[in-house]
Amino acid sequence: NKLEYLLREDPGRRILYFGTTVQQS
């Protein structure tokens, strides 16, 4: 939900995501 909010707010964002595990990422 947070990621979707960030991308709706600004589709041009470049987001680096550090996942909890490989499968979760």
mmCIF file of all heavy atoms, coordinates in Angstrom:
data_MODEL
# 
_entry.id   MODEL 
# 
loop_
_atom_site.group_PDB 
_atom_site.id 
_atom_site.type_symbol 
_atom_site.label_atom_id 
_atom_site.label_alt_id 
_atom_site.label_comp_id 
_atom_site.label_asym_id 
_atom_site.label_entity_id 
_atom_site.label_seq_id 
_atom_site.pdbx_PDB_ins_code 
_atom_site.Cartn_x 
_atom_site.Cartn_y 
_atom_site.Cartn_z 
_atom_site.occupancy 
_atom_site.B_iso_or_equiv 
_atom_site.pdbx_formal_charge 
_atom_site.auth_seq_id 
_atom_site.auth_comp_id 
_atom_site.auth_asym_id 
_atom_site.auth_atom_id 
_atom_site.pdbx_PDB_model_num 
ATOM 1   N N   . ASN A 1 1  ? 0.829  -1.209  0.000   1.00 0.00 ? 1  ASN A N   1 
ATOM 2   C CA  . ASN A 1 1  ? 0.000  0.000   0.000   1.00 0.00 ? 1  ASN A CA  1 
ATOM 3   C C   . ASN A 1 1  ? 0.863  1.259   0.000   1.00 0.00 ? 1  ASN A C   1 
ATOM 4   O O   . ASN A 1 1  ? 0.549  2.243   -0.670  1.00 0.00 ? 1  ASN A O   1 
ATOM 5   C CB  . ASN A 1 1  ? -0.934 0.012   1.208   1.00 0.00 ? 1  ASN A CB  1 
ATOM 6   C CG  . ASN A 1 1  ? -2.051 -1.015  1.093   1.00 0.00 ? 1  ASN A CG  1 
ATOM 7   O OD1 . ASN A 1 1  ? -2.382 -1.462  -0.010  1.00 0.00 ? 1  ASN A OD1 1 
ATOM 8   N ND2 . ASN A 1 1  ? -2.622 -1.410  2.224   1.00 0.00 ? 1  ASN A ND2 1 
ATOM 9   N N   . LYS A 1 2  ? 1.961  1.225   0.748   1.00 0.00 ? 2  LYS A N   1 
ATOM 10  C CA  . LYS A 1 2  ? 2.857  2.378   0.788   1.00 0.00 ? 2  LYS A CA  1 
ATOM 11  C C   . LYS A 1 2  ? 3.545  2.572   -0.556  1.00 0.00 ? 2  LYS A C   1 
ATOM 12  O O   . LYS A 1 2  ? 3.669  3.704   -1.049  1.00 0.00 ? 2  LYS A O   1 
ATOM 13  C CB  . LYS A 1 2  ? 3.907  2.186   1.882   1.00 0.00 ? 2  LYS A CB  1 
ATOM 14  C CG  . LYS A 1 2  ? 4.815  3.400   2.083   1.00 0.00 ? 2  LYS A CG  1 
ATOM 15  C CD  . LYS A 1 2  ? 4.033  4.605   2.567   1.00 0.00 ? 2  LYS A CD  1 
ATOM 16  C CE  . LYS A 1 2  ? 4.942  5.772   2.899   1.00 0.00 ? 2  LYS A CE  1 
ATOM 17  N NZ  . LYS A 1 2  ? 4.191  6.948   3.405   1.00 0.00 ? 2  LYS A NZ  1 
ATOM 18  N N   . LEU A 1 3  ? 3.983  1.491   -1.165  1.00 0.00 ? 3  LEU A N   1 
ATOM 19  C CA  . LEU A 1 3  ? 4.623  1.591   -2.474  1.00 0.00 ? 3  LEU A CA  1 
ATOM 20  C C   . LEU A 1 3  ? 3.656  2.145   -3.519  1.00 0.00 ? 3  LEU A C   1 
ATOM 21  O O   . LEU A 1 3  ? 4.023  2.997   -4.338  1.00 0.00 ? 3  LEU A O   1 
ATOM 22  C CB  . LEU A 1 3  ? 5.145  0.212   -2.913  1.00 0.00 ? 3  LEU A CB  1 
ATOM 23  C CG  . LEU A 1 3  ? 6.388  -0.301  -2.171  1.00 0.00 ? 3  LEU A CG  1 
ATOM 24  C CD1 . LEU A 1 3  ? 6.635  -1.767  -2.520  1.00 0.00 ? 3  LEU A CD1 1 
ATOM 25  C CD2 . LEU A 1 3  ? 7.622  0.537   -2.515  1.00 0.00 ? 3  LEU A CD2 1 
ATOM 26  N N   . GLU A 1 4  ? 2.403  1.666   -3.499  1.00 0.00 ? 4  GLU A N   1 
ATOM 27  C CA  . GLU A 1 4  ? 1.424  2.162   -4.458  1.00 0.00 ? 4  GLU A CA  1 
ATOM 28  C C   . GLU A 1 4  ? 1.155  3.649   -4.229  1.00 0.00 ? 4  GLU A C   1 
ATOM 29  O O   . GLU A 1 4  ? 1.038  4.427   -5.187  1.00 0.00 ? 4  GLU A O   1 
ATOM 30  C CB  . GLU A 1 4  ? 0.122  1.371   -4.369  1.00 0.00 ? 4  GLU A CB  1 
ATOM 31  C CG  . GLU A 1 4  ? -0.886 1.806   -5.427  1.00 0.00 ? 4  GLU A CG  1 
ATOM 32  C CD  . GLU A 1 4  ? -2.080 0.875   -5.514  1.00 0.00 ? 4  GLU A CD  1 
ATOM 33  O OE1 . GLU A 1 4  ? -2.407 0.215   -4.514  1.00 0.00 ? 4  GLU A OE1 1 
ATOM 34  O OE2 . GLU A 1 4  ? -2.693 0.823   -6.599  1.00 0.00 ? 4  GLU A OE2 1 
ATOM 35  N N   . TYR A 1 5  ? 1.060  4.053   -2.969  1.00 0.00 ? 5  TYR A N   1 
ATOM 36  C CA  . TYR A 1 5  ? 0.853  5.469   -2.665  1.00 0.00 ? 5  TYR A CA  1 
ATOM 37  C C   . TYR A 1 5  ? 1.996  6.321   -3.216  1.00 0.00 ? 5  TYR A C   1 
ATOM 38  O O   . TYR A 1 5  ? 1.767  7.371   -3.828  1.00 0.00 ? 5  TYR A O   1 
ATOM 39  C CB  . TYR A 1 5  ? 0.737  5.658   -1.153  1.00 0.00 ? 5  TYR A CB  1 
ATOM 40  C CG  . TYR A 1 5  ? 0.765  7.106   -0.725  1.00 0.00 ? 5  TYR A CG  1 
ATOM 41  C CD1 . TYR A 1 5  ? -0.373 7.912   -0.822  1.00 0.00 ? 5  TYR A CD1 1 
ATOM 42  C CD2 . TYR A 1 5  ? 1.942  7.677   -0.256  1.00 0.00 ? 5  TYR A CD2 1 
ATOM 43  C CE1 . TYR A 1 5  ? -0.348 9.250   -0.448  1.00 0.00 ? 5  TYR A CE1 1 
ATOM 44  C CE2 . TYR A 1 5  ? 1.990  9.015   0.108   1.00 0.00 ? 5  TYR A CE2 1 
ATOM 45  C CZ  . TYR A 1 5  ? 0.843  9.791   0.021   1.00 0.00 ? 5  TYR A CZ  1 
ATOM 46  O OH  . TYR A 1 5  ? 0.882  11.125  0.375   1.00 0.00 ? 5  TYR A OH  1 
ATOM 47  N N   . LEU A 1 6  ? 3.231  5.874   -3.014  1.00 0.00 ? 6  LEU A N   1 
ATOM 48  C CA  . LEU A 1 6  ? 4.394  6.622   -3.487  1.00 0.00 ? 6  LEU A CA  1 
ATOM 49  C C   . LEU A 1 6  ? 4.390  6.757   -5.011  1.00 0.00 ? 6  LEU A C   1 
ATOM 50  O O   . LEU A 1 6  ? 4.700  7.818   -5.556  1.00 0.00 ? 6  LEU A O   1 
ATOM 51  C CB  . LEU A 1 6  ? 5.679  5.925   -3.034  1.00 0.00 ? 6  LEU A CB  1 
ATOM 52  C CG  . LEU A 1 6  ? 5.987  5.956   -1.535  1.00 0.00 ? 6  LEU A CG  1 
ATOM 53  C CD1 . LEU A 1 6  ? 7.119  4.986   -1.207  1.00 0.00 ? 6  LEU A CD1 1 
ATOM 54  C CD2 . LEU A 1 6  ? 6.340  7.365   -1.076  1.00 0.00 ? 6  LEU A CD2 1 
ATOM 55  N N   . LEU A 1 7  ? 4.020  5.683   -5.700  1.00 0.00 ? 7  LEU A N   1 
ATOM 56  C CA  . LEU A 1 7  ? 4.048  5.698   -7.160  1.00 0.00 ? 7  LEU A CA  1 
ATOM 57  C C   . LEU A 1 7  ? 2.873  6.473   -7.749  1.00 0.00 ? 7  LEU A C   1 
ATOM 58  O O   . LEU A 1 7  ? 2.998  7.090   -8.805  1.00 0.00 ? 7  LEU A O   1 
ATOM 59  C CB  . LEU A 1 7  ? 4.062  4.260   -7.688  1.00 0.00 ? 7  LEU A CB  1 
ATOM 60  C CG  . LEU A 1 7  ? 5.369  3.499   -7.406  1.00 0.00 ? 7  LEU A CG  1 
ATOM 61  C CD1 . LEU A 1 7  ? 5.192  2.012   -7.688  1.00 0.00 ? 7  LEU A CD1 1 
ATOM 62  C CD2 . LEU A 1 7  ? 6.517  4.071   -8.229  1.00 0.00 ? 7  LEU A CD2 1 
ATOM 63  N N   . ARG A 1 8  ? 1.739  6.441   -7.088  1.00 0.00 ? 8  ARG A N   1 
ATOM 64  C CA  . ARG A 1 8  ? 0.604  7.264   -7.543  1.00 0.00 ? 8  ARG A CA  1 
ATOM 65  C C   . ARG A 1 8  ? 0.929  8.740   -7.356  1.00 0.00 ? 8  ARG A C   1 
ATOM 66  O O   . ARG A 1 8  ? 0.584  9.577   -8.199  1.00 0.00 ? 8  ARG A O   1 
ATOM 67  C CB  . ARG A 1 8  ? -0.655 6.906   -6.754  1.00 0.00 ? 8  ARG A CB  1 
ATOM 68  C CG  . ARG A 1 8  ? -1.348 5.641   -7.230  1.00 0.00 ? 8  ARG A CG  1 
ATOM 69  C CD  . ARG A 1 8  ? -2.599 5.392   -6.407  1.00 0.00 ? 8  ARG A CD  1 
ATOM 70  N NE  . ARG A 1 8  ? -3.362 4.244   -6.897  1.00 0.00 ? 8  ARG A NE  1 
ATOM 71  C CZ  . ARG A 1 8  ? -4.453 3.775   -6.299  1.00 0.00 ? 8  ARG A CZ  1 
ATOM 72  N NH1 . ARG A 1 8  ? -4.884 4.348   -5.188  1.00 0.00 ? 8  ARG A NH1 1 
ATOM 73  N NH2 . ARG A 1 8  ? -5.088 2.737   -6.799  1.00 0.00 ? 8  ARG A NH2 1 
ATOM 74  N N   . GLU A 1 9  ? 1.568  9.053   -6.230  1.00 0.00 ? 9  GLU A N   1 
ATOM 75  C CA  . GLU A 1 9  ? 1.918  10.438  -5.934  1.00 0.00 ? 9  GLU A CA  1 
ATOM 76  C C   . GLU A 1 9  ? 2.916  10.984  -6.946  1.00 0.00 ? 9  GLU A C   1 
ATOM 77  O O   . GLU A 1 9  ? 2.818  12.135  -7.382  1.00 0.00 ? 9  GLU A O   1 
ATOM 78  C CB  . GLU A 1 9  ? 2.502  10.517  -4.520  1.00 0.00 ? 9  GLU A CB  1 
ATOM 79  C CG  . GLU A 1 9  ? 2.794  11.924  -4.038  1.00 0.00 ? 9  GLU A CG  1 
ATOM 80  C CD  . GLU A 1 9  ? 3.369  11.928  -2.643  1.00 0.00 ? 9  GLU A CD  1 
ATOM 81  O OE1 . GLU A 1 9  ? 4.428  11.281  -2.430  1.00 0.00 ? 9  GLU A OE1 1 
ATOM 82  O OE2 . GLU A 1 9  ? 2.790  12.573  -1.755  1.00 0.00 ? 9  GLU A OE2 1 
ATOM 83  N N   . ASP A 1 10 ? 3.871  10.140  -7.346  1.00 0.00 ? 10 ASP A N   1 
ATOM 84  C CA  . ASP A 1 10 ? 4.882  10.559  -8.323  1.00 0.00 ? 10 ASP A CA  1 
ATOM 85  C C   . ASP A 1 10 ? 5.370  9.330   -9.090  1.00 0.00 ? 10 ASP A C   1 
ATOM 86  O O   . ASP A 1 10 ? 6.251  8.610   -8.624  1.00 0.00 ? 10 ASP A O   1 
ATOM 87  C CB  . ASP A 1 10 ? 6.049  11.244  -7.623  1.00 0.00 ? 10 ASP A CB  1 
ATOM 88  C CG  . ASP A 1 10 ? 7.095  11.763  -8.608  1.00 0.00 ? 10 ASP A CG  1 
ATOM 89  O OD1 . ASP A 1 10 ? 6.929  11.552  -9.825  1.00 0.00 ? 10 ASP A OD1 1 
ATOM 90  O OD2 . ASP A 1 10 ? 8.096  12.357  -8.150  1.00 0.00 ? 10 ASP A OD2 1 
ATOM 91  N N   . PRO A 1 11 ? 4.823  9.054   -10.277 1.00 0.00 ? 11 PRO A N   1 
ATOM 92  C CA  . PRO A 1 11 ? 5.219  7.884   -11.069 1.00 0.00 ? 11 PRO A CA  1 
ATOM 93  C C   . PRO A 1 11 ? 6.684  7.902   -11.493 1.00 0.00 ? 11 PRO A C   1 
ATOM 94  O O   . PRO A 1 11 ? 7.235  6.858   -11.876 1.00 0.00 ? 11 PRO A O   1 
ATOM 95  C CB  . PRO A 1 11 ? 4.297  7.962   -12.303 1.00 0.00 ? 11 PRO A CB  1 
ATOM 96  C CG  . PRO A 1 11 ? 3.149  8.808   -11.872 1.00 0.00 ? 11 PRO A CG  1 
ATOM 97  C CD  . PRO A 1 11 ? 3.727  9.806   -10.913 1.00 0.00 ? 11 PRO A CD  1 
ATOM 98  N N   . GLY A 1 12 ? 7.326  9.069   -11.427 1.00 0.00 ? 12 GLY A N   1 
ATOM 99  C CA  . GLY A 1 12 ? 8.723  9.174   -11.836 1.00 0.00 ? 12 GLY A CA  1 
ATOM 100 C C   . GLY A 1 12 ? 9.725  8.797   -10.765 1.00 0.00 ? 12 GLY A C   1 
ATOM 101 O O   . GLY A 1 12 ? 10.933 8.844   -10.999 1.00 0.00 ? 12 GLY A O   1 
ATOM 102 N N   . ARG A 1 13 ? 9.229  8.411   -9.615  1.00 0.00 ? 13 ARG A N   1 
ATOM 103 C CA  . ARG A 1 13 ? 10.136 8.045   -8.528  1.00 0.00 ? 13 ARG A CA  1 
ATOM 104 C C   . ARG A 1 13 ? 10.948 6.798   -8.875  1.00 0.00 ? 13 ARG A C   1 
ATOM 105 O O   . ARG A 1 13 ? 10.475 5.900   -9.579  1.00 0.00 ? 13 ARG A O   1 
ATOM 106 C CB  . ARG A 1 13 ? 9.362  7.801   -7.239  1.00 0.00 ? 13 ARG A CB  1 
ATOM 107 C CG  . ARG A 1 13 ? 9.018  9.081   -6.493  1.00 0.00 ? 13 ARG A CG  1 
ATOM 108 C CD  . ARG A 1 13 ? 8.284  8.776   -5.211  1.00 0.00 ? 13 ARG A CD  1 
ATOM 109 N NE  . ARG A 1 13 ? 8.320  9.926   -4.309  1.00 0.00 ? 13 ARG A NE  1 
ATOM 110 C CZ  . ARG A 1 13 ? 7.293  10.347  -3.590  1.00 0.00 ? 13 ARG A CZ  1 
ATOM 111 N NH1 . ARG A 1 13 ? 6.131  9.725   -3.677  1.00 0.00 ? 13 ARG A NH1 1 
ATOM 112 N NH2 . ARG A 1 13 ? 7.417  11.389  -2.790  1.00 0.00 ? 13 ARG A NH2 1 
ATOM 113 N N   . ARG A 1 14 ? 12.175 6.745   -8.343  1.00 0.00 ? 14 ARG A N   1 
ATOM 114 C CA  . ARG A 1 14 ? 13.002 5.542   -8.462  1.00 0.00 ? 14 ARG A CA  1 
ATOM 115 C C   . ARG A 1 14 ? 13.178 4.979   -7.056  1.00 0.00 ? 14 ARG A C   1 
ATOM 116 O O   . ARG A 1 14 ? 13.889 5.529   -6.217  1.00 0.00 ? 14 ARG A O   1 
ATOM 117 C CB  . ARG A 1 14 ? 14.356 5.875   -9.077  1.00 0.00 ? 14 ARG A CB  1 
ATOM 118 C CG  . ARG A 1 14 ? 14.239 6.470   -10.474 1.00 0.00 ? 14 ARG A CG  1 
ATOM 119 C CD  . ARG A 1 14 ? 15.584 6.621   -11.133 1.00 0.00 ? 14 ARG A CD  1 
ATOM 120 N NE  . ARG A 1 14 ? 15.525 7.574   -12.237 1.00 0.00 ? 14 ARG A NE  1 
ATOM 121 C CZ  . ARG A 1 14 ? 16.564 7.877   -13.003 1.00 0.00 ? 14 ARG A CZ  1 
ATOM 122 N NH1 . ARG A 1 14 ? 17.730 7.296   -12.793 1.00 0.00 ? 14 ARG A NH1 1 
ATOM 123 N NH2 . ARG A 1 14 ? 16.444 8.764   -13.979 1.00 0.00 ? 14 ARG A NH2 1 
ATOM 124 N N   . ILE A 1 15 ? 12.508 3.867   -6.817  1.00 0.00 ? 15 ILE A N   1 
ATOM 125 C CA  . ILE A 1 15 ? 12.422 3.300   -5.472  1.00 0.00 ? 15 ILE A CA  1 
ATOM 126 C C   . ILE A 1 15 ? 13.295 2.048   -5.375  1.00 0.00 ? 15 ILE A C   1 
ATOM 127 O O   . ILE A 1 15 ? 13.141 1.102   -6.151  1.00 0.00 ? 15 ILE A O   1 
ATOM 128 C CB  . ILE A 1 15 ? 10.965 2.936   -5.121  1.00 0.00 ? 15 ILE A CB  1 
ATOM 129 C CG1 . ILE A 1 15 ? 10.076 4.184   -5.230  1.00 0.00 ? 15 ILE A CG1 1 
ATOM 130 C CG2 . ILE A 1 15 ? 10.882 2.330   -3.729  1.00 0.00 ? 15 ILE A CG2 1 
ATOM 131 C CD1 . ILE A 1 15 ? 8.590  3.896   -5.052  1.00 0.00 ? 15 ILE A CD1 1 
ATOM 132 N N   . LEU A 1 16 ? 14.183 2.042   -4.403  1.00 0.00 ? 16 LEU A N   1 
ATOM 133 C CA  . LEU A 1 16 ? 15.000 0.869   -4.109  1.00 0.00 ? 16 LEU A CA  1 
ATOM 134 C C   . LEU A 1 16 ? 14.394 0.183   -2.894  1.00 0.00 ? 16 LEU A C   1 
ATOM 135 O O   . LEU A 1 16 ? 14.260 0.791   -1.828  1.00 0.00 ? 16 LEU A O   1 
ATOM 136 C CB  . LEU A 1 16 ? 16.443 1.279   -3.831  1.00 0.00 ? 16 LEU A CB  1 
ATOM 137 C CG  . LEU A 1 16 ? 17.430 0.157   -3.514  1.00 0.00 ? 16 LEU A CG  1 
ATOM 138 C CD1 . LEU A 1 16 ? 17.518 -0.844  -4.671  1.00 0.00 ? 16 LEU A CD1 1 
ATOM 139 C CD2 . LEU A 1 16 ? 18.812 0.731   -3.207  1.00 0.00 ? 16 LEU A CD2 1 
ATOM 140 N N   . TYR A 1 17 ? 14.025 -1.094  -3.068  1.00 0.00 ? 17 TYR A N   1 
ATOM 141 C CA  . TYR A 1 17 ? 13.318 -1.832  -2.017  1.00 0.00 ? 17 TYR A CA  1 
ATOM 142 C C   . TYR A 1 17 ? 14.185 -2.964  -1.472  1.00 0.00 ? 17 TYR A C   1 
ATOM 143 O O   . TYR A 1 17 ? 14.656 -3.820  -2.229  1.00 0.00 ? 17 TYR A O   1 
ATOM 144 C CB  . TYR A 1 17 ? 12.004 -2.394  -2.572  1.00 0.00 ? 17 TYR A CB  1 
ATOM 145 C CG  . TYR A 1 17 ? 11.263 -3.266  -1.584  1.00 0.00 ? 17 TYR A CG  1 
ATOM 146 C CD1 . TYR A 1 17 ? 10.608 -2.694  -0.506  1.00 0.00 ? 17 TYR A CD1 1 
ATOM 147 C CD2 . TYR A 1 17 ? 11.241 -4.651  -1.723  1.00 0.00 ? 17 TYR A CD2 1 
ATOM 148 C CE1 . TYR A 1 17 ? 9.943  -3.482  0.420   1.00 0.00 ? 17 TYR A CE1 1 
ATOM 149 C CE2 . TYR A 1 17 ? 10.571 -5.439  -0.809  1.00 0.00 ? 17 TYR A CE2 1 
ATOM 150 C CZ  . TYR A 1 17 ? 9.923  -4.853  0.265   1.00 0.00 ? 17 TYR A CZ  1 
ATOM 151 O OH  . TYR A 1 17 ? 9.270  -5.617  1.179   1.00 0.00 ? 17 TYR A OH  1 
ATOM 152 N N   . PHE A 1 18 ? 14.392 -2.963  -0.153  1.00 0.00 ? 18 PHE A N   1 
ATOM 153 C CA  . PHE A 1 18 ? 15.131 -4.038  0.518   1.00 0.00 ? 18 PHE A CA  1 
ATOM 154 C C   . PHE A 1 18 ? 14.125 -4.982  1.152   1.00 0.00 ? 18 PHE A C   1 
ATOM 155 O O   . PHE A 1 18 ? 13.481 -4.659  2.158   1.00 0.00 ? 18 PHE A O   1 
ATOM 156 C CB  . PHE A 1 18 ? 16.074 -3.468  1.581   1.00 0.00 ? 18 PHE A CB  1 
ATOM 157 C CG  . PHE A 1 18 ? 17.272 -2.763  0.998   1.00 0.00 ? 18 PHE A CG  1 
ATOM 158 C CD1 . PHE A 1 18 ? 17.268 -1.392  0.818   1.00 0.00 ? 18 PHE A CD1 1 
ATOM 159 C CD2 . PHE A 1 18 ? 18.401 -3.485  0.612   1.00 0.00 ? 18 PHE A CD2 1 
ATOM 160 C CE1 . PHE A 1 18 ? 18.365 -0.735  0.270   1.00 0.00 ? 18 PHE A CE1 1 
ATOM 161 C CE2 . PHE A 1 18 ? 19.499 -2.838  0.065   1.00 0.00 ? 18 PHE A CE2 1 
ATOM 162 C CZ  . PHE A 1 18 ? 19.481 -1.469  -0.106  1.00 0.00 ? 18 PHE A CZ  1 
ATOM 163 N N   . GLY A 1 19 ? 13.981 -6.161  0.551   1.00 0.00 ? 19 GLY A N   1 
ATOM 164 C CA  . GLY A 1 19 ? 12.977 -7.121  0.990   1.00 0.00 ? 19 GLY A CA  1 
ATOM 165 C C   . GLY A 1 19 ? 13.349 -7.859  2.261   1.00 0.00 ? 19 GLY A C   1 
ATOM 166 O O   . GLY A 1 19 ? 14.510 -7.921  2.664   1.00 0.00 ? 19 GLY A O   1 
ATOM 167 N N   . THR A 1 20 ? 12.325 -8.460  2.880   1.00 0.00 ? 20 THR A N   1 
ATOM 168 C CA  . THR A 1 20 ? 12.511 -9.214  4.117   1.00 0.00 ? 20 THR A CA  1 
ATOM 169 C C   . THR A 1 20 ? 13.199 -10.544 3.848   1.00 0.00 ? 20 THR A C   1 
ATOM 170 O O   . THR A 1 20 ? 14.047 -10.994 4.618   1.00 0.00 ? 20 THR A O   1 
ATOM 171 C CB  . THR A 1 20 ? 11.144 -9.464  4.785   1.00 0.00 ? 20 THR A CB  1 
ATOM 172 O OG1 . THR A 1 20 ? 10.350 -8.281  4.708   1.00 0.00 ? 20 THR A OG1 1 
ATOM 173 C CG2 . THR A 1 20 ? 11.313 -9.880  6.226   1.00 0.00 ? 20 THR A CG2 1 
ATOM 174 N N   . THR A 1 21 ? 12.828 -11.185 2.760   1.00 0.00 ? 21 THR A N   1 
ATOM 175 C CA  . THR A 1 21 ? 13.450 -12.427 2.295   1.00 0.00 ? 21 THR A CA  1 
ATOM 176 C C   . THR A 1 21 ? 13.470 -12.395 0.764   1.00 0.00 ? 21 THR A C   1 
ATOM 177 O O   . THR A 1 21 ? 12.877 -11.504 0.146   1.00 0.00 ? 21 THR A O   1 
ATOM 178 C CB  . THR A 1 21 ? 12.643 -13.668 2.741   1.00 0.00 ? 21 THR A CB  1 
ATOM 179 O OG1 . THR A 1 21 ? 11.356 -13.639 2.112   1.00 0.00 ? 21 THR A OG1 1 
ATOM 180 C CG2 . THR A 1 21 ? 12.478 -13.717 4.261   1.00 0.00 ? 21 THR A CG2 1 
ATOM 181 N N   . VAL A 1 22 ? 14.088 -13.376 0.165   1.00 0.00 ? 22 VAL A N   1 
ATOM 182 C CA  . VAL A 1 22 ? 14.095 -13.471 -1.297  1.00 0.00 ? 22 VAL A CA  1 
ATOM 183 C C   . VAL A 1 22 ? 12.682 -13.610 -1.832  1.00 0.00 ? 22 VAL A C   1 
ATOM 184 O O   . VAL A 1 22 ? 12.267 -12.900 -2.759  1.00 0.00 ? 22 VAL A O   1 
ATOM 185 C CB  . VAL A 1 22 ? 14.964 -14.659 -1.761  1.00 0.00 ? 22 VAL A CB  1 
ATOM 186 C CG1 . VAL A 1 22 ? 14.779 -14.909 -3.256  1.00 0.00 ? 22 VAL A CG1 1 
ATOM 187 C CG2 . VAL A 1 22 ? 16.437 -14.407 -1.455  1.00 0.00 ? 22 VAL A CG2 1 
ATOM 188 N N   . GLN A 1 23 ? 11.920 -14.530 -1.248  1.00 0.00 ? 23 GLN A N   1 
ATOM 189 C CA  . GLN A 1 23 ? 10.563 -14.779 -1.742  1.00 0.00 ? 23 GLN A CA  1 
ATOM 190 C C   . GLN A 1 23 ? 9.664  -13.564 -1.540  1.00 0.00 ? 23 GLN A C   1 
ATOM 191 O O   . GLN A 1 23 ? 8.827  -13.247 -2.400  1.00 0.00 ? 23 GLN A O   1 
ATOM 192 C CB  . GLN A 1 23 ? 9.966  -16.009 -1.045  1.00 0.00 ? 23 GLN A CB  1 
ATOM 193 C CG  . GLN A 1 23 ? 10.635 -17.321 -1.423  1.00 0.00 ? 23 GLN A CG  1 
ATOM 194 C CD  . GLN A 1 23 ? 10.564 -17.592 -2.920  1.00 0.00 ? 23 GLN A CD  1 
ATOM 195 O OE1 . GLN A 1 23 ? 9.556  -17.316 -3.580  1.00 0.00 ? 23 GLN A OE1 1 
ATOM 196 N NE2 . GLN A 1 23 ? 11.640 -18.131 -3.480  1.00 0.00 ? 23 GLN A NE2 1 
ATOM 197 N N   . GLN A 1 24 ? 9.827  -12.880 -0.415  1.00 0.00 ? 24 GLN A N   1 
ATOM 198 C CA  . GLN A 1 24 ? 9.002  -11.704 -0.156  1.00 0.00 ? 24 GLN A CA  1 
ATOM 199 C C   . GLN A 1 24 ? 9.318  -10.583 -1.144  1.00 0.00 ? 24 GLN A C   1 
ATOM 200 O O   . GLN A 1 24 ? 8.429  -9.885  -1.620  1.00 0.00 ? 24 GLN A O   1 
ATOM 201 C CB  . GLN A 1 24 ? 9.224  -11.238 1.293   1.00 0.00 ? 24 GLN A CB  1 
ATOM 202 C CG  . GLN A 1 24 ? 8.186  -10.252 1.794   1.00 0.00 ? 24 GLN A CG  1 
ATOM 203 C CD  . GLN A 1 24 ? 8.653  -8.808  1.666   1.00 0.00 ? 24 GLN A CD  1 
ATOM 204 O OE1 . GLN A 1 24 ? 9.712  -8.512  1.124   1.00 0.00 ? 24 GLN A OE1 1 
ATOM 205 N NE2 . GLN A 1 24 ? 7.818  -7.896  2.156   1.00 0.00 ? 24 GLN A NE2 1 
ATOM 206 N N   . SER A 1 25 ? 10.590 -10.416 -1.481  1.00 0.00 ? 25 SER A N   1 
ATOM 207 C CA  . SER A 1 25 ? 10.990 -9.416  -2.467  1.00 0.00 ? 25 SER A CA  1 
ATOM 208 C C   . SER A 1 25 ? 10.391 -9.751  -3.834  1.00 0.00 ? 25 SER A C   1 
ATOM 209 O O   . SER A 1 25 ? 9.898  -8.862  -4.547  1.00 0.00 ? 25 SER A O   1 
ATOM 210 C CB  . SER A 1 25 ? 12.513 -9.345  -2.553  1.00 0.00 ? 25 SER A CB  1 
ATOM 211 O OG  . SER A 1 25 ? 12.930 -8.417  -3.526  1.00 0.00 ? 25 SER A OG  1 
# 
